[in-house]
N, C-alpha and C. Protein backbone atom coordinates (compact mmCIF):
# COMPACT_ATOMS: atom_id res chain seq x y z
N MET A 1 -1.23 -1.51 -19.22
CA MET A 1 -1.16 -0.81 -17.96
C MET A 1 -1.24 -1.83 -16.82
N LYS A 2 -0.28 -1.74 -15.92
CA LYS A 2 -0.25 -2.68 -14.80
C LYS A 2 -1.38 -2.40 -13.82
N ALA A 3 -1.81 -3.45 -13.16
CA ALA A 3 -2.88 -3.31 -12.16
C ALA A 3 -2.25 -3.05 -10.80
N THR A 4 -1.47 -1.97 -10.72
CA THR A 4 -0.86 -1.58 -9.45
C THR A 4 -1.27 -0.15 -9.15
N PHE A 5 -1.05 0.25 -7.93
CA PHE A 5 -1.32 1.64 -7.53
C PHE A 5 -0.10 2.11 -6.75
N SER A 6 0.96 2.43 -7.49
CA SER A 6 2.25 2.75 -6.88
C SER A 6 2.26 4.16 -6.29
N THR A 7 3.31 4.47 -5.60
CA THR A 7 3.46 5.77 -4.95
C THR A 7 3.43 6.91 -5.96
N ASN A 8 4.00 6.69 -7.13
CA ASN A 8 4.02 7.73 -8.16
C ASN A 8 2.62 8.06 -8.67
N GLU A 9 1.73 7.10 -8.62
CA GLU A 9 0.37 7.29 -9.12
C GLU A 9 -0.54 7.97 -8.10
N LYS A 10 -0.10 8.09 -6.87
CA LYS A 10 -0.93 8.70 -5.83
C LYS A 10 -0.79 10.21 -5.87
N LEU A 11 -1.90 10.88 -5.77
CA LEU A 11 -1.93 12.33 -5.77
C LEU A 11 -1.65 12.82 -4.36
N LYS A 12 -0.53 13.52 -4.18
CA LYS A 12 -0.14 13.96 -2.85
C LYS A 12 0.10 15.47 -2.77
N SER A 13 0.24 16.11 -3.91
CA SER A 13 0.56 17.52 -3.95
C SER A 13 -0.62 18.37 -3.45
N LYS A 14 -0.37 19.14 -2.41
CA LYS A 14 -1.42 19.99 -1.85
C LYS A 14 -1.89 21.02 -2.87
N LYS A 15 -0.96 21.54 -3.64
CA LYS A 15 -1.30 22.53 -4.67
C LYS A 15 -2.21 21.92 -5.74
N GLU A 16 -1.88 20.71 -6.19
CA GLU A 16 -2.71 20.03 -7.20
C GLU A 16 -4.10 19.73 -6.65
N ILE A 17 -4.18 19.33 -5.39
CA ILE A 17 -5.48 19.01 -4.78
C ILE A 17 -6.34 20.27 -4.68
N GLU A 18 -5.73 21.40 -4.30
CA GLU A 18 -6.47 22.66 -4.25
C GLU A 18 -6.97 23.06 -5.63
N LEU A 19 -6.13 22.92 -6.65
CA LEU A 19 -6.55 23.23 -8.02
C LEU A 19 -7.66 22.28 -8.47
N LEU A 20 -7.56 21.04 -8.06
CA LEU A 20 -8.57 20.05 -8.42
C LEU A 20 -9.93 20.44 -7.88
N PHE A 21 -10.00 20.88 -6.62
CA PHE A 21 -11.29 21.26 -6.04
C PHE A 21 -11.79 22.60 -6.57
N SER A 22 -10.89 23.50 -6.94
CA SER A 22 -11.35 24.79 -7.42
C SER A 22 -11.70 24.78 -8.91
N GLU A 23 -10.98 24.01 -9.73
CA GLU A 23 -11.19 24.04 -11.17
C GLU A 23 -11.71 22.74 -11.76
N GLY A 24 -11.82 21.71 -10.94
CA GLY A 24 -12.16 20.39 -11.46
C GLY A 24 -13.62 20.22 -11.83
N LYS A 25 -13.87 19.21 -12.64
CA LYS A 25 -15.22 18.82 -13.02
C LYS A 25 -15.52 17.52 -12.29
N SER A 26 -16.81 17.16 -12.21
CA SER A 26 -17.11 15.95 -11.45
C SER A 26 -18.12 15.06 -12.17
N ILE A 27 -18.04 13.80 -11.81
CA ILE A 27 -18.98 12.77 -12.25
C ILE A 27 -19.42 12.06 -10.98
N ALA A 28 -20.71 11.85 -10.82
CA ALA A 28 -21.19 11.20 -9.59
C ALA A 28 -22.11 10.03 -9.92
N LYS A 29 -21.90 8.96 -9.23
CA LYS A 29 -22.80 7.81 -9.17
C LYS A 29 -22.89 7.47 -7.70
N TYR A 30 -24.02 7.83 -7.09
CA TYR A 30 -24.14 7.68 -5.65
C TYR A 30 -23.74 6.28 -5.22
N PRO A 31 -22.91 6.15 -4.23
CA PRO A 31 -22.37 7.07 -3.24
C PRO A 31 -20.95 7.55 -3.52
N ILE A 32 -20.49 7.51 -4.78
CA ILE A 32 -19.11 7.90 -5.09
C ILE A 32 -19.13 9.05 -6.08
N ARG A 33 -18.24 10.02 -5.86
CA ARG A 33 -18.09 11.15 -6.77
C ARG A 33 -16.63 11.20 -7.21
N LEU A 34 -16.43 11.41 -8.49
CA LEU A 34 -15.10 11.58 -9.05
C LEU A 34 -14.94 13.04 -9.44
N ILE A 35 -13.90 13.67 -8.91
CA ILE A 35 -13.55 15.02 -9.33
C ILE A 35 -12.26 14.88 -10.15
N TYR A 36 -12.26 15.44 -11.36
CA TYR A 36 -11.10 15.28 -12.22
C TYR A 36 -10.71 16.61 -12.83
N ARG A 37 -9.46 16.69 -13.23
CA ARG A 37 -8.93 17.90 -13.83
C ARG A 37 -7.77 17.53 -14.75
N LYS A 38 -7.71 18.16 -15.89
CA LYS A 38 -6.56 17.98 -16.78
C LYS A 38 -5.39 18.70 -16.15
N SER A 39 -4.25 18.04 -16.06
CA SER A 39 -3.10 18.65 -15.40
C SER A 39 -1.86 18.57 -16.27
N ILE A 40 -0.88 19.33 -15.87
CA ILE A 40 0.42 19.29 -16.53
C ILE A 40 1.34 18.56 -15.57
N SER A 41 1.70 17.35 -15.93
CA SER A 41 2.49 16.51 -15.04
C SER A 41 3.89 16.32 -15.59
N GLU A 42 4.88 16.41 -14.70
CA GLU A 42 6.25 16.15 -15.10
C GLU A 42 6.49 14.64 -15.20
N LYS A 43 5.72 13.89 -14.46
CA LYS A 43 5.87 12.44 -14.45
C LYS A 43 5.24 11.86 -15.70
N ASN A 44 5.67 10.68 -16.06
CA ASN A 44 5.18 10.03 -17.27
C ASN A 44 3.96 9.16 -16.95
N LEU A 45 3.06 9.68 -16.15
CA LEU A 45 1.86 8.94 -15.75
C LEU A 45 0.63 9.65 -16.29
N PRO A 46 -0.30 8.90 -16.88
CA PRO A 46 -1.50 9.55 -17.41
C PRO A 46 -2.44 10.04 -16.31
N ILE A 47 -2.48 9.33 -15.16
CA ILE A 47 -3.44 9.68 -14.11
C ILE A 47 -2.79 9.57 -12.73
N GLN A 48 -3.04 10.58 -11.90
CA GLN A 48 -2.70 10.52 -10.49
C GLN A 48 -4.01 10.60 -9.72
N ALA A 49 -4.18 9.74 -8.73
CA ALA A 49 -5.46 9.65 -8.05
C ALA A 49 -5.30 9.68 -6.53
N ALA A 50 -6.37 10.12 -5.87
CA ALA A 50 -6.45 10.12 -4.42
C ALA A 50 -7.87 9.76 -4.02
N VAL A 51 -8.04 9.36 -2.76
CA VAL A 51 -9.37 9.01 -2.25
C VAL A 51 -9.61 9.78 -0.95
N SER A 52 -10.89 10.02 -0.66
CA SER A 52 -11.24 10.74 0.55
C SER A 52 -12.61 10.29 1.05
N VAL A 53 -12.75 10.28 2.38
CA VAL A 53 -14.01 9.94 3.02
C VAL A 53 -14.28 10.99 4.09
N SER A 54 -15.51 11.46 4.16
CA SER A 54 -15.87 12.54 5.08
C SER A 54 -15.84 12.09 6.53
N LYS A 55 -15.23 12.91 7.35
CA LYS A 55 -15.21 12.65 8.79
C LYS A 55 -16.58 12.91 9.40
N ARG A 56 -17.37 13.75 8.74
CA ARG A 56 -18.71 14.06 9.22
C ARG A 56 -19.60 12.83 9.21
N ASN A 57 -19.48 12.00 8.16
CA ASN A 57 -20.33 10.83 8.03
C ASN A 57 -19.79 9.60 8.75
N PHE A 58 -18.47 9.52 8.89
CA PHE A 58 -17.84 8.37 9.54
C PHE A 58 -16.89 8.88 10.61
N LYS A 59 -17.34 8.84 11.85
CA LYS A 59 -16.56 9.39 12.96
C LYS A 59 -15.32 8.55 13.26
N LYS A 60 -15.44 7.24 13.11
CA LYS A 60 -14.33 6.35 13.46
C LYS A 60 -13.35 6.24 12.31
N ALA A 61 -12.07 6.42 12.64
CA ALA A 61 -11.02 6.33 11.62
C ALA A 61 -10.97 4.94 11.00
N VAL A 62 -11.32 3.93 11.77
CA VAL A 62 -11.33 2.55 11.26
C VAL A 62 -12.29 2.43 10.08
N ASP A 63 -13.46 3.03 10.20
CA ASP A 63 -14.45 2.98 9.13
C ASP A 63 -13.98 3.76 7.90
N ARG A 64 -13.44 4.96 8.13
CA ARG A 64 -12.93 5.76 7.01
C ARG A 64 -11.82 5.04 6.28
N ASN A 65 -10.92 4.44 7.02
CA ASN A 65 -9.79 3.73 6.40
C ASN A 65 -10.26 2.53 5.59
N ARG A 66 -11.27 1.83 6.09
CA ARG A 66 -11.79 0.67 5.35
C ARG A 66 -12.40 1.11 4.02
N ILE A 67 -13.16 2.19 4.05
CA ILE A 67 -13.77 2.69 2.81
C ILE A 67 -12.68 3.16 1.84
N LYS A 68 -11.67 3.83 2.34
CA LYS A 68 -10.58 4.29 1.48
C LYS A 68 -9.85 3.10 0.86
N ARG A 69 -9.65 2.03 1.63
CA ARG A 69 -9.04 0.82 1.09
C ARG A 69 -9.88 0.24 -0.04
N LEU A 70 -11.20 0.19 0.17
CA LEU A 70 -12.11 -0.31 -0.87
C LEU A 70 -12.02 0.55 -2.14
N LEU A 71 -12.02 1.86 -1.97
CA LEU A 71 -11.95 2.76 -3.13
C LEU A 71 -10.63 2.58 -3.88
N ARG A 72 -9.52 2.55 -3.16
CA ARG A 72 -8.21 2.39 -3.80
C ARG A 72 -8.11 1.05 -4.53
N GLU A 73 -8.56 -0.01 -3.88
CA GLU A 73 -8.47 -1.35 -4.47
C GLU A 73 -9.31 -1.44 -5.74
N ASN A 74 -10.51 -0.93 -5.71
CA ASN A 74 -11.37 -1.01 -6.89
C ASN A 74 -10.91 -0.08 -8.00
N TYR A 75 -10.31 1.04 -7.66
CA TYR A 75 -9.71 1.88 -8.69
C TYR A 75 -8.53 1.15 -9.31
N ARG A 76 -7.70 0.53 -8.47
CA ARG A 76 -6.53 -0.19 -8.96
C ARG A 76 -6.93 -1.29 -9.95
N LYS A 77 -7.99 -2.01 -9.64
CA LYS A 77 -8.42 -3.11 -10.49
C LYS A 77 -9.07 -2.63 -11.79
N ASN A 78 -9.63 -1.44 -11.80
CA ASN A 78 -10.40 -0.97 -12.96
C ASN A 78 -9.80 0.24 -13.67
N LYS A 79 -8.60 0.64 -13.31
CA LYS A 79 -8.03 1.84 -13.94
C LYS A 79 -7.68 1.63 -15.41
N TYR A 80 -7.63 0.38 -15.84
CA TYR A 80 -7.38 0.11 -17.25
C TYR A 80 -8.49 0.69 -18.14
N LEU A 81 -9.67 0.93 -17.56
CA LEU A 81 -10.79 1.48 -18.35
C LEU A 81 -10.49 2.87 -18.88
N VAL A 82 -9.68 3.64 -18.16
CA VAL A 82 -9.36 5.00 -18.62
C VAL A 82 -7.92 5.13 -19.11
N GLY A 83 -7.04 4.32 -18.61
CA GLY A 83 -5.63 4.45 -18.95
C GLY A 83 -5.31 4.25 -20.41
N LYS A 84 -6.04 3.36 -21.06
CA LYS A 84 -5.74 3.07 -22.47
C LYS A 84 -6.30 4.13 -23.41
N ASN A 85 -7.31 4.88 -22.98
CA ASN A 85 -7.97 5.84 -23.87
C ASN A 85 -7.46 7.27 -23.74
N THR A 86 -6.85 7.59 -22.63
CA THR A 86 -6.49 8.98 -22.38
C THR A 86 -5.14 9.35 -23.00
N THR A 87 -5.07 10.54 -23.56
CA THR A 87 -3.82 11.03 -24.14
C THR A 87 -3.26 12.18 -23.31
N HIS A 88 -4.04 12.70 -22.37
CA HIS A 88 -3.61 13.81 -21.53
C HIS A 88 -3.33 13.31 -20.11
N HIS A 89 -2.77 14.19 -19.30
CA HIS A 89 -2.53 13.87 -17.90
C HIS A 89 -3.71 14.39 -17.08
N PHE A 90 -4.18 13.59 -16.14
CA PHE A 90 -5.32 13.96 -15.30
C PHE A 90 -5.01 13.71 -13.83
N THR A 91 -5.69 14.48 -12.98
CA THR A 91 -5.69 14.19 -11.55
C THR A 91 -7.12 13.81 -11.17
N PHE A 92 -7.23 12.78 -10.34
CA PHE A 92 -8.53 12.26 -9.90
C PHE A 92 -8.62 12.36 -8.39
N MET A 93 -9.83 12.61 -7.90
CA MET A 93 -10.12 12.50 -6.47
C MET A 93 -11.45 11.76 -6.35
N PHE A 94 -11.40 10.60 -5.70
CA PHE A 94 -12.62 9.83 -5.45
C PHE A 94 -13.12 10.19 -4.06
N LEU A 95 -14.36 10.66 -3.98
CA LEU A 95 -14.97 11.00 -2.70
C LEU A 95 -16.11 10.04 -2.42
N TYR A 96 -16.15 9.52 -1.20
CA TYR A 96 -17.27 8.68 -0.80
C TYR A 96 -18.27 9.58 -0.10
N THR A 97 -19.46 9.73 -0.67
CA THR A 97 -20.44 10.68 -0.14
C THR A 97 -21.56 10.02 0.63
N GLY A 98 -21.61 8.70 0.66
CA GLY A 98 -22.67 8.01 1.39
C GLY A 98 -22.46 8.10 2.90
N ASN A 99 -23.45 7.61 3.65
CA ASN A 99 -23.31 7.62 5.10
C ASN A 99 -23.46 6.23 5.71
N LYS A 100 -23.47 5.21 4.87
CA LYS A 100 -23.51 3.83 5.34
C LYS A 100 -22.28 3.10 4.83
N MET A 101 -21.81 2.13 5.59
CA MET A 101 -20.64 1.35 5.19
C MET A 101 -20.98 0.54 3.93
N PRO A 102 -20.21 0.72 2.85
CA PRO A 102 -20.51 0.01 1.60
C PRO A 102 -19.89 -1.38 1.59
N ASP A 103 -20.37 -2.22 0.69
CA ASP A 103 -19.67 -3.47 0.46
C ASP A 103 -18.92 -3.38 -0.86
N SER A 104 -17.99 -4.26 -1.03
CA SER A 104 -17.06 -4.19 -2.16
C SER A 104 -17.75 -4.26 -3.51
N ILE A 105 -18.82 -5.02 -3.61
CA ILE A 105 -19.51 -5.19 -4.89
C ILE A 105 -20.11 -3.87 -5.37
N ILE A 106 -20.73 -3.13 -4.45
CA ILE A 106 -21.33 -1.83 -4.81
C ILE A 106 -20.25 -0.84 -5.22
N VAL A 107 -19.17 -0.78 -4.44
CA VAL A 107 -18.08 0.15 -4.75
C VAL A 107 -17.49 -0.17 -6.11
N GLU A 108 -17.27 -1.45 -6.39
CA GLU A 108 -16.68 -1.82 -7.67
C GLU A 108 -17.58 -1.44 -8.84
N SER A 109 -18.87 -1.70 -8.72
CA SER A 109 -19.78 -1.38 -9.83
C SER A 109 -19.86 0.13 -10.05
N LYS A 110 -19.90 0.91 -8.99
CA LYS A 110 -19.99 2.36 -9.13
C LYS A 110 -18.71 2.95 -9.72
N ILE A 111 -17.56 2.45 -9.29
CA ILE A 111 -16.29 2.95 -9.84
C ILE A 111 -16.18 2.59 -11.32
N LYS A 112 -16.61 1.39 -11.69
CA LYS A 112 -16.60 1.02 -13.12
C LYS A 112 -17.49 1.97 -13.93
N GLU A 113 -18.68 2.25 -13.41
CA GLU A 113 -19.59 3.16 -14.12
C GLU A 113 -18.97 4.54 -14.28
N ILE A 114 -18.37 5.04 -13.22
CA ILE A 114 -17.76 6.38 -13.25
C ILE A 114 -16.61 6.41 -14.24
N LEU A 115 -15.73 5.41 -14.20
CA LEU A 115 -14.58 5.40 -15.09
C LEU A 115 -15.00 5.24 -16.55
N GLN A 116 -16.04 4.46 -16.81
CA GLN A 116 -16.54 4.34 -18.17
C GLN A 116 -17.15 5.65 -18.66
N LYS A 117 -17.86 6.33 -17.79
CA LYS A 117 -18.44 7.62 -18.15
C LYS A 117 -17.35 8.64 -18.43
N PHE A 118 -16.31 8.65 -17.58
CA PHE A 118 -15.18 9.55 -17.80
C PHE A 118 -14.50 9.24 -19.12
N SER A 119 -14.30 7.97 -19.38
CA SER A 119 -13.63 7.54 -20.60
C SER A 119 -14.42 7.98 -21.83
N SER A 120 -15.73 7.84 -21.79
CA SER A 120 -16.54 8.26 -22.93
C SER A 120 -16.51 9.78 -23.10
N LYS A 121 -16.50 10.54 -22.00
CA LYS A 121 -16.38 12.00 -22.09
C LYS A 121 -15.04 12.39 -22.68
N GLU A 122 -13.99 11.69 -22.28
CA GLU A 122 -12.64 11.99 -22.77
C GLU A 122 -12.54 11.73 -24.27
N ILE A 123 -13.15 10.66 -24.74
CA ILE A 123 -13.14 10.34 -26.16
C ILE A 123 -13.88 11.42 -26.96
N GLU A 124 -15.01 11.92 -26.40
CA GLU A 124 -15.77 12.98 -27.06
C GLU A 124 -14.97 14.27 -27.17
N ASN A 125 -14.16 14.57 -26.16
CA ASN A 125 -13.43 15.83 -26.13
C ASN A 125 -12.15 15.82 -26.96
N GLN A 126 -11.75 14.68 -27.46
CA GLN A 126 -10.49 14.63 -28.23
C GLN A 126 -10.64 15.18 -29.61
């Protein structure tokens, strides 16, 4: 699996996002929460992902965009943890729930923990 995060891998469908929030399950390692859902995808991609940061906690768009960049970059670098183990199609939404600006090391460690936990749950459910 390439360490890229191409346009096809980004979750953009409003319908899928609504289904994700209504039917999805979640894994949380403060300050990041992963909401995931098994989906039926026409594309040949195992996972489509999106990131979100609350406007309530970060008023400035500059701050929200920086956190979203950190989340996307660390997911891109660590998505191999789930890509090799999954046999189904999934949609992911990473939410930043903290209220302080994170540094890259914390974000990377939390995303790794979340993806490993997801991967172990996926292996159990097969």
